[in-house]
Amino acid sequence: MRGAAGFVAIEDINPRADVHLLVIPERHVASFREIGEFEADEAKRMLEFVTDTAREVGLEDYRVVVNVGAGAGQTVFHLHWHVLGGRAKGLP
């Protein structure tokens, strides 16, 4: 687990790739639909945290996925980014 001001990265409990991390803002926002609730500098810091997290775990090539809404597979209604690296399991 790693953290920076306002964000945390943890391993997914149901990994869909060799490396599967979740990047989560500490502040509650239900989904990506509400991304406008973040100030521009906070949104930028969140995306930089995603990239820094991938780099720190040794990923050069990876996917960043956000599920938006139940129909898209969102099961936890707190905004989070999936960082997936290595062999994917059950993904296109």
C-alpha atoms as a PDB file:
ATOM      1  CA  MET A   1       0.000   0.000   0.000  1.00  0.00           C
ATOM      2  CA  ARG A   2       1.236   3.490  -0.782  1.00  0.00           C
ATOM      3  CA  GLY A   3      -0.232   6.893  -0.179  1.00  0.00           C
ATOM      4  CA  ALA A   4       0.228  10.563  -0.892  1.00  0.00           C
ATOM      5  CA  ALA A   5      -1.719  13.585   0.193  1.00  0.00           C
ATOM      6  CA  GLY A   6      -5.322  12.688  -0.504  1.00  0.00           C
ATOM      7  CA  PHE A   7      -4.829   9.343  -2.286  1.00  0.00           C
ATOM      8  CA  VAL A   8      -3.997   5.731  -1.523  1.00  0.00           C
ATOM      9  CA  ALA A   9      -3.069   2.699  -3.637  1.00  0.00           C
ATOM     10  CA  ILE A  10      -3.892  -0.839  -2.522  1.00  0.00           C
ATOM     11  CA  GLU A  11      -3.831  -4.300  -4.074  1.00  0.00           C
ATOM     12  CA  ASP A  12      -7.186  -5.499  -5.436  1.00  0.00           C
ATOM     13  CA  ILE A  13      -8.594  -8.453  -3.461  1.00  0.00           C
ATOM     14  CA  ASN A  14      -9.851 -10.033  -6.700  1.00  0.00           C
ATOM     15  CA  PRO A  15      -6.975  -9.377  -9.133  1.00  0.00           C
ATOM     16  CA  ARG A  16      -7.709  -9.451 -12.860  1.00  0.00           C
ATOM     17  CA  ALA A  17      -4.034  -9.215 -13.872  1.00  0.00           C
ATOM     18  CA  ASP A  18      -0.593 -10.117 -12.531  1.00  0.00           C
ATOM     19  CA  VAL A  19      -0.503  -6.649 -10.977  1.00  0.00           C
ATOM     20  CA  HIS A  20      -3.871  -5.154 -10.035  1.00  0.00           C
ATOM     21  CA  LEU A  21      -3.893  -2.052  -7.878  1.00  0.00           C
ATOM     22  CA  LEU A  22      -6.677   0.316  -6.910  1.00  0.00           C
ATOM     23  CA  VAL A  23      -5.968   4.026  -6.640  1.00  0.00           C
ATOM     24  CA  ILE A  24      -8.517   5.655  -4.370  1.00  0.00           C
ATOM     25  CA  PRO A  25      -9.036   9.288  -3.381  1.00  0.00           C
ATOM     26  CA  GLU A  26      -9.527   9.704   0.357  1.00  0.00           C
ATOM     27  CA  ARG A  27     -12.366  12.149  -0.294  1.00  0.00           C
ATOM     28  CA  HIS A  28     -15.635  10.420  -1.178  1.00  0.00           C
ATOM     29  CA  VAL A  29     -16.867  10.833  -4.723  1.00  0.00           C
ATOM     30  CA  ALA A  30     -19.325   8.137  -5.848  1.00  0.00           C
ATOM     31  CA  SER A  31     -18.069   7.638  -9.406  1.00  0.00           C
ATOM     32  CA  PHE A  32     -16.171   9.148 -12.319  1.00  0.00           C
ATOM     33  CA  ARG A  33     -19.401  10.979 -13.254  1.00  0.00           C
ATOM     34  CA  GLU A  34     -18.699  13.322 -10.343  1.00  0.00           C
ATOM     35  CA  ILE A  35     -15.048  13.995 -11.294  1.00  0.00           C
ATOM     36  CA  GLY A  36     -15.975  17.695 -11.597  1.00  0.00           C
ATOM     37  CA  GLU A  37     -16.146  17.834  -7.788  1.00  0.00           C
ATOM     38  CA  PHE A  38     -12.336  17.784  -7.776  1.00  0.00           C
ATOM     39  CA  GLU A  39     -10.479  21.037  -8.286  1.00  0.00           C
ATOM     40  CA  ALA A  40      -8.289  20.967 -11.406  1.00  0.00           C
ATOM     41  CA  ASP A  41      -5.049  20.696  -9.408  1.00  0.00           C
ATOM     42  CA  GLU A  42      -6.481  17.860  -7.286  1.00  0.00           C
ATOM     43  CA  ALA A  43      -7.576  15.927 -10.393  1.00  0.00           C
ATOM     44  CA  LYS A  44      -4.091  16.422 -11.877  1.00  0.00           C
ATOM     45  CA  ARG A  45      -2.450  15.171  -8.666  1.00  0.00           C
ATOM     46  CA  MET A  46      -4.715  12.109  -8.734  1.00  0.00           C
ATOM     47  CA  LEU A  47      -3.676  11.216 -12.292  1.00  0.00           C
ATOM     48  CA  GLU A  48      -0.024  11.811 -11.421  1.00  0.00           C
ATOM     49  CA  PHE A  49      -0.472   9.493  -8.418  1.00  0.00           C
ATOM     50  CA  VAL A  50      -1.809   6.798 -10.766  1.00  0.00           C
ATOM     51  CA  THR A  51       1.300   7.092 -12.979  1.00  0.00           C
ATOM     52  CA  ASP A  52       3.710   7.297 -10.044  1.00  0.00           C
ATOM     53  CA  THR A  53       2.116   4.207  -8.482  1.00  0.00           C
ATOM     54  CA  ALA A  54       2.509   2.192 -11.701  1.00  0.00           C
ATOM     55  CA  ARG A  55       6.134   3.274 -12.041  1.00  0.00           C
ATOM     56  CA  GLU A  56       6.931   2.464  -8.397  1.00  0.00           C
ATOM     57  CA  VAL A  57       5.705  -1.125  -8.774  1.00  0.00           C
ATOM     58  CA  GLY A  58       7.819  -1.538 -11.919  1.00  0.00           C
ATOM     59  CA  LEU A  59       5.129  -1.276 -14.587  1.00  0.00           C
ATOM     60  CA  GLU A  60       6.113   0.196 -17.915  1.00  0.00           C
ATOM     61  CA  ASP A  61       3.104  -1.026 -19.893  1.00  0.00           C
ATOM     62  CA  TYR A  62      -0.248  -1.144 -18.126  1.00  0.00           C
ATOM     63  CA  ARG A  63      -3.966  -0.380 -18.310  1.00  0.00           C
ATOM     64  CA  VAL A  64      -5.870   2.212 -16.296  1.00  0.00           C
ATOM     65  CA  VAL A  65      -9.575   1.413 -16.011  1.00  0.00           C
ATOM     66  CA  VAL A  66     -12.498   3.192 -14.364  1.00  0.00           C
ATOM     67  CA  ASN A  67     -15.885   1.464 -14.259  1.00  0.00           C
ATOM     68  CA  VAL A  68     -18.702   4.030 -14.258  1.00  0.00           C
ATOM     69  CA  GLY A  69     -22.057   2.752 -13.030  1.00  0.00           C
ATOM     70  CA  ALA A  70     -23.411  -0.689 -12.219  1.00  0.00           C
ATOM     71  CA  GLY A  71     -24.017  -1.478 -15.898  1.00  0.00           C
ATOM     72  CA  ALA A  72     -20.286  -1.044 -16.537  1.00  0.00           C
ATOM     73  CA  GLY A  73     -19.269  -3.263 -13.636  1.00  0.00           C
ATOM     74  CA  GLN A  74     -18.859  -0.702 -10.863  1.00  0.00           C
ATOM     75  CA  THR A  75     -19.529  -2.524  -7.582  1.00  0.00           C
ATOM     76  CA  VAL A  76     -17.892  -0.108  -5.137  1.00  0.00           C
ATOM     77  CA  PHE A  77     -19.462   3.336  -5.321  1.00  0.00           C
ATOM     78  CA  HIS A  78     -16.398   5.334  -4.361  1.00  0.00           C
ATOM     79  CA  LEU A  79     -14.312   6.571  -7.288  1.00  0.00           C
ATOM     80  CA  HIS A  80     -11.257   4.400  -7.892  1.00  0.00           C
ATOM     81  CA  TRP A  81      -8.864   3.633 -10.732  1.00  0.00           C
ATOM     82  CA  HIS A  82      -7.760   0.092 -11.593  1.00  0.00           C
ATOM     83  CA  VAL A  83      -4.079  -0.132 -12.564  1.00  0.00           C
ATOM     84  CA  LEU A  84      -3.483  -3.455 -14.340  1.00  0.00           C
ATOM     85  CA  GLY A  85      -0.141  -4.792 -15.489  1.00  0.00           C
ATOM     86  CA  GLY A  86       1.195  -8.090 -16.789  1.00  0.00           C
ATOM     87  CA  ARG A  87      -1.049 -10.886 -17.982  1.00  0.00           C
ATOM     88  CA  ALA A  88      -4.742  -9.997 -17.873  1.00  0.00           C
ATOM     89  CA  LYS A  89      -7.277 -12.505 -16.547  1.00  0.00           C
ATOM     90  CA  GLY A  90     -10.665 -12.379 -18.246  1.00  0.00           C
ATOM     91  CA  LEU A  91     -10.151  -8.992 -19.900  1.00  0.00           C
ATOM     92  CA  PRO A  92     -10.268  -8.235 -23.625  1.00  0.00           C
END
